[in-house]
Structures are given as C-alpha cells and as structure tokens.
Amino acid sequence: MYRLIGLLISFALLNAAHAQQGLKLSVGEYRIFDDADSYGFTSVSSKYSGQGYQASLNLPYISGYRGKSGLGNIAVKLAYLTQWRKTYIDLNYRQKLATADDQLTVPAWDTGMSIELARYIAGGIGFMELGYSWRNKAQSSQSERKNSLFYAVGGIYPLMKQLSVGMILDHKPTALGKLNRNVTALAQYKLNQKHRLGVNGSKGLTRTSPNWVLGLVWSQTF
C-alpha cells in the first residue's frame, strides 16, 4: 500500500517525464478503507532534481489505525535519469529506514532497485516500472521475508492546459509477502506555475489489498 501512495505522488506530479532542476515539496493526505477498518495516512515528500539525477525523501505518518497512530517507514530514493531516443529512462534505488512503529506496520530495512520507462504517446505520457525488492531484517526477532519482483504500468493524458487525468495498475507483494494489486484513477490540476493539486482513488484487486484508497496531493516547486 505504501509503495502505491509513493507512486501516486511521483506519477501524479509527472515524475515519469524528466523534470526541470530544482526542489519540489509535496504533501499527500489519504484515507484507507479496508473491510471494517478506516484510517488515515499522511505522506510528506521532498525531491531535488539535478542534471541527470534525482534524490527524494518520504516521511509517512499513519493515524487512527486500530486506535493507534505513529510514524511509518521513512524512505530514501536516488535516481539516475537518462534518455534513449524518445524514451525517458530512470534507474532507481530505494531504501527504507525501518522507522515504523511495529504496532502499525512492519519496520522494514528493505532495499529496492527498478527501471522506469516513459514516453510521450498520442499527446499523453505512457509509463512502466519493473523492479526487485530485497527484504532485509530490521530486527533480530523478525521472521524471514521473501524477496520479490514488482511492477507498475500507467498513463496520464492532458484534457486541457491545466488539467490531466491518468490511470495506474500497480502490483507488489506486501512486506509480509502477500499479493497486493491495485488500479488507480487520478487527476491533476495546475493551479499556477508553482502549485499543483491532485486527487486519486484506488481499488484493491486482491484480498490482501485495501478495498479503497482515496487521496489528495498538493505540491509546490521552488
């Protein structure tokens, strides 16, 4: 679920096509509906884009999960950006920092690497990501968790100058190795040159996926 939220932030802000240099701050507020449970998830993300690279930091906070609230797993992402003909290519390295409250989720010191491909198609952007996660023990008491492949495919299309809409299919085993697949519809509105507002809704496609995730993302470039 948390990787899906990271995808929503990055993809809704057109991370698939290489961005201009500078700093971007985004805040996402989500509501997760999972059977009888309903709880909040806040994601604060900062990303710096340079010439041919990106570095980002994501701070998640879980609120009201079975009466408890606390920090999730902080994650760092480094990306090398290149291009082959008309295809944008990102080579990504992700590291979780095992900061989560174990009453809320698994403290994970997991490492991931992936390749993202994006290209302008019929006026929009098509996107795909393929990667692999190594499940590392954050605590000696943790049981072994299986490494896994993950992928995402999607696209975003501008309806008008300020408004874009898109869809993402995301597949990744959870931290405990159970199948998690979601389909997401999203929209992004450009308020001005520096501010954007995005909304999204996700439907879980497997038993271990959240039933629904609804979110609102605000971003500012500096």
C-alpha atoms as a PDB file:
ATOM      1  CA  MET A   1       0.000   0.000   0.000  1.00  0.00           C
ATOM      2  CA  TYR A   2       2.730   2.484   0.935  1.00  0.00           C
ATOM      3  CA  ARG A   3       4.557   1.971  -2.363  1.00  0.00           C
ATOM      4  CA  LEU A   4       1.265   2.679  -4.154  1.00  0.00           C
ATOM      5  CA  ILE A   5       0.996   6.001  -2.333  1.00  0.00           C
ATOM      6  CA  GLY A   6       4.569   6.817  -3.319  1.00  0.00           C
ATOM      7  CA  LEU A   7       3.687   6.064  -6.933  1.00  0.00           C
ATOM      8  CA  LEU A   8       0.639   8.299  -6.772  1.00  0.00           C
ATOM      9  CA  ILE A   9       2.706  11.229  -5.551  1.00  0.00           C
ATOM     10  CA  SER A  10       5.507  10.816  -8.078  1.00  0.00           C
ATOM     11  CA  PHE A  11       3.376   9.872 -11.077  1.00  0.00           C
ATOM     12  CA  ALA A  12       0.653  12.429 -10.500  1.00  0.00           C
ATOM     13  CA  LEU A  13       3.350  15.089 -10.459  1.00  0.00           C
ATOM     14  CA  LEU A  14       4.634  13.880 -13.848  1.00  0.00           C
ATOM     15  CA  ASN A  15       7.765  12.319 -12.430  1.00  0.00           C
ATOM     16  CA  ALA A  16       7.768   9.929 -15.381  1.00  0.00           C
ATOM     17  CA  ALA A  17       8.967  12.642 -17.746  1.00  0.00           C
ATOM     18  CA  HIS A  18      12.218  14.193 -16.607  1.00  0.00           C
ATOM     19  CA  ALA A  19      11.584  17.297 -14.573  1.00  0.00           C
ATOM     20  CA  GLN A  20      13.411  20.612 -14.547  1.00  0.00           C
ATOM     21  CA  GLN A  21      16.136  21.171 -11.983  1.00  0.00           C
ATOM     22  CA  GLY A  22      15.033  22.368  -8.568  1.00  0.00           C
ATOM     23  CA  LEU A  23      13.302  21.415  -5.322  1.00  0.00           C
ATOM     24  CA  LYS A  24       9.736  20.111  -5.046  1.00  0.00           C
ATOM     25  CA  LEU A  25       7.716  19.608  -1.870  1.00  0.00           C
ATOM     26  CA  SER A  26       4.521  17.539  -1.822  1.00  0.00           C
ATOM     27  CA  VAL A  27       2.023  16.586   0.873  1.00  0.00           C
ATOM     28  CA  GLY A  28      -0.472  13.761   0.389  1.00  0.00           C
ATOM     29  CA  GLU A  29      -3.444  13.073   2.647  1.00  0.00           C
ATOM     30  CA  TYR A  30      -5.091   9.658   2.199  1.00  0.00           C
ATOM     31  CA  ARG A  31      -7.944   7.650   3.651  1.00  0.00           C
ATOM     32  CA  ILE A  32      -7.613   3.856   3.543  1.00  0.00           C
ATOM     33  CA  PHE A  33     -10.754   1.710   3.702  1.00  0.00           C
ATOM     34  CA  ASP A  34     -10.015  -1.957   4.420  1.00  0.00           C
ATOM     35  CA  ASP A  35     -13.045  -4.064   5.369  1.00  0.00           C
ATOM     36  CA  ALA A  36     -14.157  -2.737   8.756  1.00  0.00           C
ATOM     37  CA  ASP A  37     -11.018  -0.620   9.204  1.00  0.00           C
ATOM     38  CA  SER A  38     -10.696   3.001   8.126  1.00  0.00           C
ATOM     39  CA  TYR A  39      -7.611   5.050   8.898  1.00  0.00           C
ATOM     40  CA  GLY A  40      -5.532   7.965   7.676  1.00  0.00           C
ATOM     41  CA  PHE A  41      -2.149   8.151   6.013  1.00  0.00           C
ATOM     42  CA  THR A  42      -0.121  11.340   5.522  1.00  0.00           C
ATOM     43  CA  SER A  43       2.912  11.469   3.253  1.00  0.00           C
ATOM     44  CA  VAL A  44       5.357  14.390   3.201  1.00  0.00           C
ATOM     45  CA  SER A  45       7.863  14.177   0.366  1.00  0.00           C
ATOM     46  CA  SER A  46      10.723  16.369  -0.812  1.00  0.00           C
ATOM     47  CA  LYS A  47      12.543  15.845  -4.100  1.00  0.00           C
ATOM     48  CA  TYR A  48      15.543  17.561  -5.628  1.00  0.00           C
ATOM     49  CA  SER A  49      16.132  17.247  -9.375  1.00  0.00           C
ATOM     50  CA  GLY A  50      19.565  17.975 -10.805  1.00  0.00           C
ATOM     51  CA  GLN A  51      21.156  17.493 -14.201  1.00  0.00           C
ATOM     52  CA  GLY A  52      20.681  13.770 -14.762  1.00  0.00           C
ATOM     53  CA  TYR A  53      19.698  12.751 -11.217  1.00  0.00           C
ATOM     54  CA  GLN A  54      17.016  12.997  -8.542  1.00  0.00           C
ATOM     55  CA  ALA A  55      17.069  12.500  -4.788  1.00  0.00           C
ATOM     56  CA  SER A  56      13.937  12.262  -2.650  1.00  0.00           C
ATOM     57  CA  LEU A  57      12.915  11.677   0.953  1.00  0.00           C
ATOM     58  CA  ASN A  58       9.470  10.467   2.045  1.00  0.00           C
ATOM     59  CA  LEU A  59       8.106  10.706   5.601  1.00  0.00           C
ATOM     60  CA  PRO A  60       4.890   8.710   6.214  1.00  0.00           C
ATOM     61  CA  TYR A  61       2.564   9.037   9.180  1.00  0.00           C
ATOM     62  CA  ILE A  62      -0.255   6.587   9.966  1.00  0.00           C
ATOM     63  CA  SER A  63      -3.193   7.889  12.006  1.00  0.00           C
ATOM     64  CA  GLY A  64      -6.099   6.126  13.662  1.00  0.00           C
ATOM     65  CA  TYR A  65      -5.138   2.551  12.764  1.00  0.00           C
ATOM     66  CA  ARG A  66      -6.993   0.407  15.329  1.00  0.00           C
ATOM     67  CA  GLY A  67      -6.776   3.280  17.769  1.00  0.00           C
ATOM     68  CA  LYS A  68      -3.046   3.898  17.271  1.00  0.00           C
ATOM     69  CA  SER A  69      -1.019   6.497  15.361  1.00  0.00           C
ATOM     70  CA  GLY A  70       2.664   6.803  14.551  1.00  0.00           C
ATOM     71  CA  LEU A  71       5.454   7.006  12.040  1.00  0.00           C
ATOM     72  CA  GLY A  72       5.778   4.616   9.093  1.00  0.00           C
ATOM     73  CA  ASN A  73       8.983   3.616   7.321  1.00  0.00           C
ATOM     74  CA  ILE A  74      10.902   6.667   6.097  1.00  0.00           C
ATOM     75  CA  ALA A  75      12.246   6.018   2.603  1.00  0.00           C
ATOM     76  CA  VAL A  76      15.085   7.472   0.515  1.00  0.00           C
ATOM     77  CA  LYS A  77      15.132   7.254  -3.274  1.00  0.00           C
ATOM     78  CA  LEU A  78      18.006   8.055  -5.645  1.00  0.00           C
ATOM     79  CA  ALA A  79      17.536   8.060  -9.411  1.00  0.00           C
ATOM     80  CA  TYR A  80      19.807   8.354 -12.426  1.00  0.00           C
ATOM     81  CA  LEU A  81      17.975   9.958 -15.358  1.00  0.00           C
ATOM     82  CA  THR A  82      18.809   9.371 -18.992  1.00  0.00           C
ATOM     83  CA  GLN A  83      17.111   9.186 -22.359  1.00  0.00           C
ATOM     84  CA  TRP A  84      17.263   6.862 -25.377  1.00  0.00           C
ATOM     85  CA  ARG A  85      15.744   8.409 -28.488  1.00  0.00           C
ATOM     86  CA  LYS A  86      12.227   9.418 -27.363  1.00  0.00           C
ATOM     87  CA  THR A  87      12.119   7.206 -24.267  1.00  0.00           C
ATOM     88  CA  TYR A  88      12.889   8.607 -20.813  1.00  0.00           C
ATOM     89  CA  ILE A  89      14.729   6.157 -18.543  1.00  0.00           C
ATOM     90  CA  ASP A  90      15.058   6.309 -14.748  1.00  0.00           C
ATOM     91  CA  LEU A  91      17.299   3.886 -12.843  1.00  0.00           C
ATOM     92  CA  ASN A  92      16.092   3.900  -9.248  1.00  0.00           C
ATOM     93  CA  TYR A  93      17.499   2.875  -5.871  1.00  0.00           C
ATOM     94  CA  ARG A  94      15.152   2.872  -2.846  1.00  0.00           C
ATOM     95  CA  GLN A  95      15.967   2.297   0.796  1.00  0.00           C
ATOM     96  CA  LYS A  96      13.518   2.039   3.678  1.00  0.00           C
ATOM     97  CA  LEU A  97      14.929   3.071   7.054  1.00  0.00           C
ATOM     98  CA  ALA A  98      12.921   0.820   9.448  1.00  0.00           C
ATOM     99  CA  THR A  99      11.438   3.731  11.387  1.00  0.00           C
ATOM    100  CA  ALA A 100       7.904   2.325  11.624  1.00  0.00           C
ATOM    101  CA  ASP A 101       6.056   1.639  14.858  1.00  0.00           C
ATOM    102  CA  ASP A 102       5.702  -2.160  14.906  1.00  0.00           C
ATOM    103  CA  GLN A 103       2.177  -1.760  16.307  1.00  0.00           C
ATOM    104  CA  LEU A 104       1.190  -0.202  12.972  1.00  0.00           C
ATOM    105  CA  THR A 105       3.266  -1.924  10.273  1.00  0.00           C
ATOM    106  CA  VAL A 106       6.448  -3.960   9.789  1.00  0.00           C
ATOM    107  CA  PRO A 107       9.657  -1.961  10.474  1.00  0.00           C
ATOM    108  CA  ALA A 108      11.416  -2.605   7.172  1.00  0.00           C
ATOM    109  CA  TRP A 109      15.041  -2.107   6.183  1.00  0.00           C
ATOM    110  CA  ASP A 110      14.167  -3.148   2.615  1.00  0.00           C
ATOM    111  CA  THR A 111      16.163  -2.253  -0.489  1.00  0.00           C
ATOM    112  CA  GLY A 112      14.649  -1.893  -3.957  1.00  0.00           C
ATOM    113  CA  MET A 113      16.009  -1.262  -7.439  1.00  0.00           C
ATOM    114  CA  SER A 114      13.946  -0.605 -10.540  1.00  0.00           C
ATOM    115  CA  ILE A 115      13.913   0.763 -14.059  1.00  0.00           C
ATOM    116  CA  GLU A 116      11.223   3.198 -15.214  1.00  0.00           C
ATOM    117  CA  LEU A 117      10.451   3.864 -18.865  1.00  0.00           C
ATOM    118  CA  ALA A 118       8.260   6.738 -20.042  1.00  0.00           C
ATOM    119  CA  ARG A 119       7.403   8.164 -23.415  1.00  0.00           C
ATOM    120  CA  TYR A 120       5.026  10.688 -24.972  1.00  0.00           C
ATOM    121  CA  ILE A 121       2.212   8.811 -26.754  1.00  0.00           C
ATOM    122  CA  ALA A 122      -0.678  10.455 -28.622  1.00  0.00           C
ATOM    123  CA  GLY A 123      -0.319  13.668 -26.624  1.00  0.00           C
ATOM    124  CA  GLY A 124      -0.039  11.933 -23.241  1.00  0.00           C
ATOM    125  CA  ILE A 125       2.618  10.024 -21.303  1.00  0.00           C
ATOM    126  CA  GLY A 126       2.852   6.233 -21.082  1.00  0.00           C
ATOM    127  CA  PHE A 127       4.760   4.790 -18.144  1.00  0.00           C
ATOM    128  CA  MET A 128       6.033   1.440 -16.858  1.00  0.00           C
ATOM    129  CA  GLU A 129       8.270   0.336 -13.975  1.00  0.00           C
ATOM    130  CA  LEU A 130       9.857  -3.032 -13.250  1.00  0.00           C
ATOM    131  CA  GLY A 131      11.852  -3.699 -10.092  1.00  0.00           C
ATOM    132  CA  TYR A 132      13.013  -6.067  -7.381  1.00  0.00           C
ATOM    133  CA  SER A 133      12.904  -5.766  -3.577  1.00  0.00           C
ATOM    134  CA  TRP A 134      15.335  -7.317  -1.115  1.00  0.00           C
ATOM    135  CA  ARG A 135      13.686  -7.922   2.268  1.00  0.00           C
ATOM    136  CA  ASN A 136      16.236  -7.245   4.989  1.00  0.00           C
ATOM    137  CA  LYS A 137      15.674  -7.869   8.698  1.00  0.00           C
ATOM    138  CA  ALA A 138      15.271  -4.688  10.699  1.00  0.00           C
ATOM    139  CA  GLN A 139      15.082  -6.582  13.990  1.00  0.00           C
ATOM    140  CA  SER A 140      16.637  -9.896  15.027  1.00  0.00           C
ATOM    141  CA  SER A 141      13.208 -11.150  16.113  1.00  0.00           C
ATOM    142  CA  GLN A 142      11.708 -10.691  12.642  1.00  0.00           C
ATOM    143  CA  SER A 143      10.949 -13.791  10.603  1.00  0.00           C
ATOM    144  CA  GLU A 144      12.437 -14.236   7.136  1.00  0.00           C
ATOM    145  CA  ARG A 145      10.555 -12.453   4.361  1.00  0.00           C
ATOM    146  CA  LYS A 146      10.795 -13.365   0.684  1.00  0.00           C
ATOM    147  CA  ASN A 147      12.397 -11.066  -1.896  1.00  0.00           C
ATOM    148  CA  SER A 148      10.032 -10.139  -4.715  1.00  0.00           C
ATOM    149  CA  LEU A 149       9.505  -8.581  -8.126  1.00  0.00           C
ATOM    150  CA  PHE A 150       7.166  -5.599  -8.538  1.00  0.00           C
ATOM    151  CA  TYR A 151       5.784  -3.624 -11.456  1.00  0.00           C
ATOM    152  CA  ALA A 152       3.530  -0.735 -12.384  1.00  0.00           C
ATOM    153  CA  VAL A 153       2.085   0.438 -15.713  1.00  0.00           C
ATOM    154  CA  GLY A 154       0.032   3.515 -16.437  1.00  0.00           C
ATOM    155  CA  GLY A 155      -0.545   6.655 -18.401  1.00  0.00           C
ATOM    156  CA  ILE A 156      -1.548  10.267 -17.991  1.00  0.00           C
ATOM    157  CA  TYR A 157      -3.266  12.485 -20.565  1.00  0.00           C
ATOM    158  CA  PRO A 158      -3.913  16.246 -20.600  1.00  0.00           C
ATOM    159  CA  LEU A 159      -7.578  17.122 -21.045  1.00  0.00           C
ATOM    160  CA  MET A 160      -6.752  20.819 -21.146  1.00  0.00           C
ATOM    161  CA  LYS A 161      -3.798  23.082 -20.348  1.00  0.00           C
ATOM    162  CA  GLN A 162      -4.272  22.909 -16.558  1.00  0.00           C
ATOM    163  CA  LEU A 163      -5.965  19.503 -16.140  1.00  0.00           C
ATOM    164  CA  SER A 164      -4.543  15.991 -16.667  1.00  0.00           C
ATOM    165  CA  VAL A 165      -6.063  12.580 -15.904  1.00  0.00           C
ATOM    166  CA  GLY A 166      -4.483   9.150 -15.679  1.00  0.00           C
ATOM    167  CA  MET A 167      -4.606   5.528 -14.562  1.00  0.00           C
ATOM    168  CA  ILE A 168      -2.088   3.173 -12.881  1.00  0.00           C
ATOM    169  CA  LEU A 169      -2.036  -0.607 -12.355  1.00  0.00           C
ATOM    170  CA  ASP A 170       0.339  -1.478  -9.518  1.00  0.00           C
ATOM    171  CA  HIS A 171       1.479  -4.946  -8.447  1.00  0.00           C
ATOM    172  CA  LYS A 172       3.728  -5.691  -5.496  1.00  0.00           C
ATOM    173  CA  PRO A 173       3.780  -8.266  -2.677  1.00  0.00           C
ATOM    174  CA  THR A 174       3.281  -6.732   0.761  1.00  0.00           C
ATOM    175  CA  ALA A 175       6.071  -6.595   3.353  1.00  0.00           C
ATOM    176  CA  LEU A 176       4.842  -9.995   4.547  1.00  0.00           C
ATOM    177  CA  GLY A 177       4.872 -11.471   1.038  1.00  0.00           C
ATOM    178  CA  LYS A 178       1.137 -11.444   0.257  1.00  0.00           C
ATOM    179  CA  LEU A 179      -0.137 -10.398  -3.175  1.00  0.00           C
ATOM    180  CA  ASN A 180      -1.126  -6.728  -3.452  1.00  0.00           C
ATOM    181  CA  ARG A 181      -2.547  -5.325  -6.681  1.00  0.00           C
ATOM    182  CA  ASN A 182      -4.424  -2.039  -7.190  1.00  0.00           C
ATOM    183  CA  VAL A 183      -5.896   0.001 -10.026  1.00  0.00           C
ATOM    184  CA  THR A 184      -5.937   3.781  -9.586  1.00  0.00           C
ATOM    185  CA  ALA A 185      -7.621   6.694 -11.360  1.00  0.00           C
ATOM    186  CA  LEU A 186      -6.087  10.134 -10.815  1.00  0.00           C
ATOM    187  CA  ALA A 187      -6.450  13.753 -11.844  1.00  0.00           C
ATOM    188  CA  GLN A 188      -4.070  16.682 -11.504  1.00  0.00           C
ATOM    189  CA  TYR A 189      -4.854  20.389 -11.755  1.00  0.00           C
ATOM    190  CA  LYS A 190      -2.154  23.007 -12.284  1.00  0.00           C
ATOM    191  CA  LEU A 191      -3.083  25.943 -10.082  1.00  0.00           C
ATOM    192  CA  ASN A 192      -0.206  28.136 -11.297  1.00  0.00           C
ATOM    193  CA  GLN A 193       3.459  27.807 -12.278  1.00  0.00           C
ATOM    194  CA  LYS A 194       4.494  26.567  -8.820  1.00  0.00           C
ATOM    195  CA  HIS A 195       1.451  24.822  -7.324  1.00  0.00           C
ATOM    196  CA  ARG A 196      -0.429  21.667  -8.346  1.00  0.00           C
ATOM    197  CA  LEU A 197      -3.310  19.779  -6.790  1.00  0.00           C
ATOM    198  CA  GLY A 198      -4.047  16.098  -7.398  1.00  0.00           C
ATOM    199  CA  VAL A 199      -6.880  13.739  -6.439  1.00  0.00           C
ATOM    200  CA  ASN A 200      -6.931   9.971  -6.774  1.00  0.00           C
ATOM    201  CA  GLY A 201      -8.936   6.880  -5.974  1.00  0.00           C
ATOM    202  CA  SER A 202      -7.607   3.292  -5.843  1.00  0.00           C
ATOM    203  CA  LYS A 203      -9.449  -0.025  -5.842  1.00  0.00           C
ATOM    204  CA  GLY A 204      -7.783  -3.136  -4.417  1.00  0.00           C
ATOM    205  CA  LEU A 205      -7.887  -6.176  -6.705  1.00  0.00           C
ATOM    206  CA  THR A 206      -6.759  -8.875  -4.243  1.00  0.00           C
ATOM    207  CA  ARG A 207      -7.873  -9.991  -0.805  1.00  0.00           C
ATOM    208  CA  THR A 208      -4.802  -8.502   0.883  1.00  0.00           C
ATOM    209  CA  SER A 209      -5.146  -5.117  -0.884  1.00  0.00           C
ATOM    210  CA  PRO A 210      -7.041  -2.273   0.804  1.00  0.00           C
ATOM    211  CA  ASN A 211     -10.610  -2.125  -0.519  1.00  0.00           C
ATOM    212  CA  TRP A 212     -10.299   1.579  -1.379  1.00  0.00           C
ATOM    213  CA  VAL A 213      -7.735   4.370  -1.039  1.00  0.00           C
ATOM    214  CA  LEU A 214      -8.823   7.987  -1.566  1.00  0.00           C
ATOM    215  CA  GLY A 215      -6.245  10.762  -1.637  1.00  0.00           C
ATOM    216  CA  LEU A 216      -5.460  14.422  -2.139  1.00  0.00           C
ATOM    217  CA  VAL A 217      -1.932  15.610  -3.085  1.00  0.00           C
ATOM    218  CA  TRP A 218      -0.621  19.190  -3.060  1.00  0.00           C
ATOM    219  CA  SER A 219       2.785  20.141  -4.433  1.00  0.00           C
ATOM    220  CA  GLN A 220       4.971  23.221  -4.760  1.00  0.00           C
ATOM    221  CA  THR A 221       8.153  23.771  -6.715  1.00  0.00           C
ATOM    222  CA  PHE A 222      10.890  26.144  -5.564  1.00  0.00           C
END
